[in-house]
Structures are given as structure tokens and as C-alpha cells.
Amino acid sequence: NKLIGFYSLSDQEILPKSSRSLFMATFSLSEMPLQSRLEIEEIYQHFGYLFFAYNSSFGVEDNEIYFSELKQRLASNFELHLIKDKHRRVWFLFGKRLSVDK
């Protein structure tokens, strides 16, 4: 039987070793308290690509505002695209680091 390992965001071993790495959060980030989201933001710089999927809100958090502001905060280091699903109240934010190695 293999045990499942759990890591903290402060554990350096969970950070990627390559700029061609992807940070992906499909609804998980958008369902966290705002303070936890802000703590996670500092690790995005270690990734070459970002992908977020989120609903318009979760509980009292307005995800449209949060992700719009996140896009502004990341704009100096990432090329970002925000896409609204035409059939559902779901948004997708894609990002590519401006200096990703080829």
C-alpha cells in the first residue's frame, strides 16, 4: 500500500523545475477563501503556463472581479486571455509567461 503525500505551498519540491510547466486550477482556486487565493498567487511566477476555470461567484466571493484583478496583476509577466463559455456561467483564464523557453 502506497501512502498519499501531502505538501505545503512552502515546500520547494512541489515547484516546477522547468519553465514549460503548467499551473492548473479548475474551480478549486475559485472556491477558496480570498486570503488563501492571495497566498497562492506568489507561486505562479514559477510556472510557464497558467489555466484557471471558474464560475461567476462562490459564496460571497465575486470571482469575476477577483480573476479580472488577477489578470491585471499578472499582465507584466504573462500573456493572458479571458474567455467566457457561451452556454454556461463559466470563465477560463489562460496565461503564457512572456519569457517561456522554447
N, C-alpha and C. Protein backbone atom coordinates (compact mmCIF):
# COMPACT_ATOMS: atom_id res chain seq x y z
N ASN A 1 0.83 -1.19 0.00
CA ASN A 1 0.00 0.00 0.00
C ASN A 1 0.87 1.25 0.00
N LYS A 2 0.55 2.13 -0.88
CA LYS A 2 1.31 3.36 -1.00
C LYS A 2 0.55 4.49 -0.32
N LEU A 3 1.24 5.27 0.49
CA LEU A 3 0.62 6.41 1.16
C LEU A 3 0.60 7.61 0.24
N ILE A 4 -0.41 8.41 0.37
CA ILE A 4 -0.52 9.64 -0.39
C ILE A 4 0.27 10.72 0.35
N GLY A 5 1.09 11.44 -0.39
CA GLY A 5 1.87 12.51 0.22
C GLY A 5 1.14 13.83 0.11
N PHE A 6 1.25 14.63 1.14
CA PHE A 6 0.67 15.97 1.14
C PHE A 6 1.79 16.97 1.28
N TYR A 7 1.67 18.07 0.55
CA TYR A 7 2.70 19.09 0.57
C TYR A 7 2.09 20.44 0.91
N SER A 8 2.91 21.27 1.47
CA SER A 8 2.54 22.65 1.75
C SER A 8 3.02 23.52 0.60
N LEU A 9 2.39 24.66 0.40
CA LEU A 9 2.84 25.58 -0.64
C LEU A 9 4.25 26.07 -0.38
N SER A 10 4.71 25.96 0.85
CA SER A 10 6.07 26.39 1.17
C SER A 10 7.11 25.32 0.83
N ASP A 11 6.69 24.11 0.49
CA ASP A 11 7.61 23.03 0.12
C ASP A 11 8.16 23.30 -1.28
N GLN A 12 9.44 23.57 -1.38
CA GLN A 12 10.06 23.90 -2.66
C GLN A 12 10.00 22.74 -3.65
N GLU A 13 9.89 21.51 -3.16
CA GLU A 13 9.88 20.37 -4.08
C GLU A 13 8.63 20.29 -4.94
N ILE A 14 7.58 21.02 -4.60
CA ILE A 14 6.38 20.99 -5.44
C ILE A 14 6.47 21.97 -6.60
N LEU A 15 7.45 22.87 -6.56
CA LEU A 15 7.59 23.86 -7.62
C LEU A 15 8.24 23.22 -8.84
N PRO A 16 7.86 23.66 -10.02
CA PRO A 16 8.38 23.06 -11.24
C PRO A 16 9.87 23.31 -11.44
N LYS A 17 10.49 22.40 -12.15
CA LYS A 17 11.91 22.52 -12.48
C LYS A 17 12.10 23.10 -13.88
N SER A 18 11.01 23.30 -14.60
CA SER A 18 11.08 23.78 -15.98
C SER A 18 10.10 24.92 -16.19
N SER A 19 10.47 25.85 -17.07
CA SER A 19 9.56 26.96 -17.38
C SER A 19 8.41 26.49 -18.28
N ARG A 20 8.46 25.26 -18.75
CA ARG A 20 7.39 24.72 -19.60
C ARG A 20 6.32 24.03 -18.76
N SER A 21 6.21 24.38 -17.52
CA SER A 21 5.25 23.76 -16.61
C SER A 21 3.92 24.50 -16.61
N LEU A 22 2.89 23.82 -16.14
CA LEU A 22 1.52 24.35 -16.14
C LEU A 22 0.96 24.35 -14.72
N PHE A 23 0.44 25.50 -14.31
CA PHE A 23 -0.36 25.58 -13.08
C PHE A 23 -1.81 25.57 -13.53
N MET A 24 -2.58 24.59 -13.06
CA MET A 24 -3.96 24.45 -13.49
C MET A 24 -4.88 24.36 -12.27
N ALA A 25 -5.92 25.16 -12.27
CA ALA A 25 -6.91 25.14 -11.20
C ALA A 25 -8.29 25.25 -11.85
N THR A 26 -8.99 24.14 -11.90
CA THR A 26 -10.34 24.14 -12.48
C THR A 26 -11.34 24.14 -11.33
N PHE A 27 -11.81 25.31 -11.00
CA PHE A 27 -12.80 25.60 -9.98
C PHE A 27 -12.24 25.51 -8.55
N SER A 28 -11.15 24.81 -8.33
CA SER A 28 -10.61 24.68 -6.98
C SER A 28 -10.20 26.03 -6.40
N LEU A 29 -9.44 26.80 -7.15
CA LEU A 29 -8.99 28.10 -6.65
C LEU A 29 -10.16 29.04 -6.42
N SER A 30 -11.12 29.01 -7.32
CA SER A 30 -12.26 29.93 -7.22
C SER A 30 -13.23 29.57 -6.10
N GLU A 31 -13.01 28.42 -5.46
CA GLU A 31 -13.86 28.02 -4.35
C GLU A 31 -13.12 28.10 -3.01
N MET A 32 -12.00 28.80 -3.02
CA MET A 32 -11.22 29.01 -1.80
C MET A 32 -11.50 30.39 -1.23
N PRO A 33 -11.27 30.56 0.06
CA PRO A 33 -11.38 31.92 0.63
C PRO A 33 -10.37 32.85 -0.03
N LEU A 34 -10.70 34.11 -0.11
CA LEU A 34 -9.87 35.10 -0.77
C LEU A 34 -8.45 35.12 -0.20
N GLN A 35 -8.28 35.05 1.09
CA GLN A 35 -6.95 35.10 1.70
C GLN A 35 -6.08 33.94 1.21
N SER A 36 -6.65 32.76 1.07
CA SER A 36 -5.90 31.60 0.58
C SER A 36 -5.50 31.80 -0.88
N ARG A 37 -6.38 32.38 -1.67
CA ARG A 37 -6.06 32.66 -3.07
C ARG A 37 -4.87 33.59 -3.18
N LEU A 38 -4.87 34.62 -2.35
CA LEU A 38 -3.78 35.60 -2.39
C LEU A 38 -2.45 34.98 -1.99
N GLU A 39 -2.47 34.03 -1.05
CA GLU A 39 -1.25 33.36 -0.63
C GLU A 39 -0.69 32.49 -1.76
N ILE A 40 -1.53 31.90 -2.56
CA ILE A 40 -1.11 31.03 -3.65
C ILE A 40 -0.52 31.83 -4.81
N GLU A 41 -0.97 33.04 -5.01
CA GLU A 41 -0.55 33.85 -6.15
C GLU A 41 0.96 33.96 -6.29
N GLU A 42 1.69 33.94 -5.21
CA GLU A 42 3.14 34.12 -5.30
C GLU A 42 3.84 32.96 -6.00
N ILE A 43 3.21 31.80 -6.10
CA ILE A 43 3.89 30.68 -6.77
C ILE A 43 3.68 30.66 -8.28
N TYR A 44 2.76 31.47 -8.80
CA TYR A 44 2.51 31.48 -10.24
C TYR A 44 3.77 31.83 -11.03
N GLN A 45 4.64 32.64 -10.44
CA GLN A 45 5.85 33.06 -11.12
C GLN A 45 6.77 31.90 -11.49
N HIS A 46 6.59 30.75 -10.86
CA HIS A 46 7.43 29.58 -11.10
C HIS A 46 6.95 28.75 -12.30
N PHE A 47 5.83 29.11 -12.88
CA PHE A 47 5.24 28.32 -13.95
C PHE A 47 5.31 29.06 -15.28
N GLY A 48 5.39 28.30 -16.35
CA GLY A 48 5.41 28.89 -17.68
C GLY A 48 4.02 29.15 -18.23
N TYR A 49 3.05 28.37 -17.75
CA TYR A 49 1.68 28.47 -18.25
C TYR A 49 0.70 28.41 -17.08
N LEU A 50 -0.43 29.11 -17.25
CA LEU A 50 -1.48 29.12 -16.23
C LEU A 50 -2.81 28.80 -16.90
N PHE A 51 -3.66 28.07 -16.19
CA PHE A 51 -5.02 27.80 -16.67
C PHE A 51 -5.96 27.79 -15.47
N PHE A 52 -6.98 28.63 -15.53
CA PHE A 52 -7.99 28.70 -14.48
C PHE A 52 -9.37 28.57 -15.10
N ALA A 53 -10.23 27.82 -14.47
CA ALA A 53 -11.65 27.76 -14.83
C ALA A 53 -12.42 28.13 -13.57
N TYR A 54 -13.46 28.96 -13.75
CA TYR A 54 -14.19 29.41 -12.56
C TYR A 54 -15.61 29.83 -12.91
N ASN A 55 -16.47 29.78 -11.90
CA ASN A 55 -17.84 30.27 -12.01
C ASN A 55 -17.85 31.75 -11.64
N SER A 56 -18.96 32.41 -11.90
CA SER A 56 -19.04 33.85 -11.65
C SER A 56 -18.87 34.20 -10.17
N SER A 57 -19.31 33.31 -9.29
CA SER A 57 -19.15 33.58 -7.86
C SER A 57 -19.13 32.27 -7.10
N PHE A 58 -18.69 32.35 -5.86
CA PHE A 58 -18.73 31.21 -4.96
C PHE A 58 -18.92 31.77 -3.56
N GLY A 59 -20.04 31.43 -2.95
CA GLY A 59 -20.35 32.01 -1.65
C GLY A 59 -20.44 33.51 -1.78
N VAL A 60 -19.67 34.22 -0.96
CA VAL A 60 -19.70 35.69 -1.01
C VAL A 60 -18.63 36.26 -1.94
N GLU A 61 -17.78 35.39 -2.49
CA GLU A 61 -16.68 35.86 -3.34
C GLU A 61 -17.15 36.08 -4.78
N ASP A 62 -16.87 37.25 -5.32
CA ASP A 62 -17.19 37.57 -6.70
C ASP A 62 -15.98 37.18 -7.55
N ASN A 63 -16.06 36.03 -8.20
CA ASN A 63 -14.93 35.53 -8.98
C ASN A 63 -14.64 36.36 -10.22
N GLU A 64 -15.66 36.97 -10.79
CA GLU A 64 -15.41 37.81 -11.96
C GLU A 64 -14.48 38.97 -11.60
N ILE A 65 -14.70 39.59 -10.47
CA ILE A 65 -13.85 40.68 -10.02
C ILE A 65 -12.46 40.15 -9.67
N TYR A 66 -12.42 39.07 -8.88
CA TYR A 66 -11.12 38.53 -8.45
C TYR A 66 -10.24 38.18 -9.65
N PHE A 67 -10.77 37.43 -10.62
CA PHE A 67 -9.95 36.99 -11.75
C PHE A 67 -9.62 38.13 -12.70
N SER A 68 -10.48 39.12 -12.79
CA SER A 68 -10.16 40.31 -13.58
C SER A 68 -8.99 41.05 -12.95
N GLU A 69 -9.00 41.18 -11.64
CA GLU A 69 -7.90 41.83 -10.94
C GLU A 69 -6.63 40.98 -10.98
N LEU A 70 -6.78 39.66 -10.89
CA LEU A 70 -5.63 38.77 -11.00
C LEU A 70 -4.98 38.92 -12.38
N LYS A 71 -5.80 39.00 -13.40
CA LYS A 71 -5.28 39.20 -14.76
C LYS A 71 -4.44 40.46 -14.83
N GLN A 72 -4.88 41.53 -14.21
CA GLN A 72 -4.12 42.78 -14.20
C GLN A 72 -2.80 42.62 -13.45
N ARG A 73 -2.83 41.89 -12.32
CA ARG A 73 -1.61 41.69 -11.53
C ARG A 73 -0.58 40.83 -12.29
N LEU A 74 -1.04 39.92 -13.11
CA LEU A 74 -0.14 39.02 -13.83
C LEU A 74 0.31 39.56 -15.18
N ALA A 75 -0.31 40.61 -15.66
CA ALA A 75 -0.11 41.10 -17.03
C ALA A 75 1.33 41.48 -17.35
N SER A 76 2.13 41.85 -16.38
CA SER A 76 3.51 42.24 -16.69
C SER A 76 4.40 41.04 -16.97
N ASN A 77 3.97 39.84 -16.57
CA ASN A 77 4.78 38.64 -16.78
C ASN A 77 4.13 37.59 -17.67
N PHE A 78 2.84 37.73 -17.95
CA PHE A 78 2.11 36.72 -18.71
C PHE A 78 1.27 37.35 -19.80
N GLU A 79 1.20 36.67 -20.93
CA GLU A 79 0.21 36.99 -21.95
C GLU A 79 -1.06 36.24 -21.54
N LEU A 80 -2.15 36.96 -21.33
CA LEU A 80 -3.36 36.35 -20.76
C LEU A 80 -4.57 36.52 -21.66
N HIS A 81 -5.42 35.50 -21.64
CA HIS A 81 -6.66 35.53 -22.41
C HIS A 81 -7.80 35.05 -21.52
N LEU A 82 -8.85 35.84 -21.47
CA LEU A 82 -10.03 35.52 -20.69
C LEU A 82 -11.17 35.18 -21.64
N ILE A 83 -11.75 34.01 -21.46
CA ILE A 83 -12.80 33.54 -22.36
C ILE A 83 -14.02 33.14 -21.54
N LYS A 84 -15.18 33.61 -21.97
CA LYS A 84 -16.46 33.26 -21.33
C LYS A 84 -17.11 32.12 -22.10
N ASP A 85 -17.51 31.08 -21.41
CA ASP A 85 -18.27 29.99 -22.03
C ASP A 85 -19.64 30.54 -22.43
N LYS A 86 -20.02 30.40 -23.66
CA LYS A 86 -21.27 30.97 -24.16
C LYS A 86 -22.51 30.27 -23.62
N HIS A 87 -22.35 29.06 -23.12
CA HIS A 87 -23.51 28.27 -22.72
C HIS A 87 -23.68 28.15 -21.20
N ARG A 88 -22.64 28.49 -20.47
CA ARG A 88 -22.70 28.38 -19.01
C ARG A 88 -22.09 29.63 -18.38
N ARG A 89 -22.29 29.79 -17.10
CA ARG A 89 -21.68 30.92 -16.39
C ARG A 89 -20.29 30.52 -15.91
N VAL A 90 -19.44 30.17 -16.87
CA VAL A 90 -18.09 29.71 -16.60
C VAL A 90 -17.11 30.54 -17.43
N TRP A 91 -15.98 30.88 -16.82
CA TRP A 91 -14.93 31.63 -17.49
C TRP A 91 -13.65 30.81 -17.45
N PHE A 92 -12.78 31.09 -18.41
CA PHE A 92 -11.47 30.45 -18.50
C PHE A 92 -10.42 31.54 -18.65
N LEU A 93 -9.38 31.45 -17.87
CA LEU A 93 -8.26 32.39 -17.98
C LEU A 93 -7.02 31.57 -18.33
N PHE A 94 -6.43 31.88 -19.49
CA PHE A 94 -5.23 31.20 -19.98
C PHE A 94 -4.07 32.18 -19.90
N GLY A 95 -2.92 31.67 -19.50
CA GLY A 95 -1.75 32.53 -19.45
C GLY A 95 -0.51 31.83 -19.94
N LYS A 96 0.36 32.58 -20.62
CA LYS A 96 1.66 32.09 -21.06
C LYS A 96 2.70 33.10 -20.63
N ARG A 97 3.70 32.62 -19.90
CA ARG A 97 4.76 33.51 -19.46
C ARG A 97 5.39 34.17 -20.68
N LEU A 98 5.66 35.45 -20.59
CA LEU A 98 6.22 36.19 -21.72
C LEU A 98 7.62 35.71 -22.11
N SER A 99 8.31 35.05 -21.19
CA SER A 99 9.68 34.62 -21.49
C SER A 99 9.83 33.10 -21.37
N VAL A 100 8.85 32.33 -21.78
CA VAL A 100 8.94 30.87 -21.71
C VAL A 100 10.01 30.39 -22.67
N ASP A 101 10.89 29.51 -22.17
CA ASP A 101 11.94 28.92 -23.02
C ASP A 101 11.33 28.03 -24.08
N LYS A 102 11.93 28.01 -25.25
CA LYS A 102 11.42 27.16 -26.33
C LYS A 102 12.13 25.85 -26.35
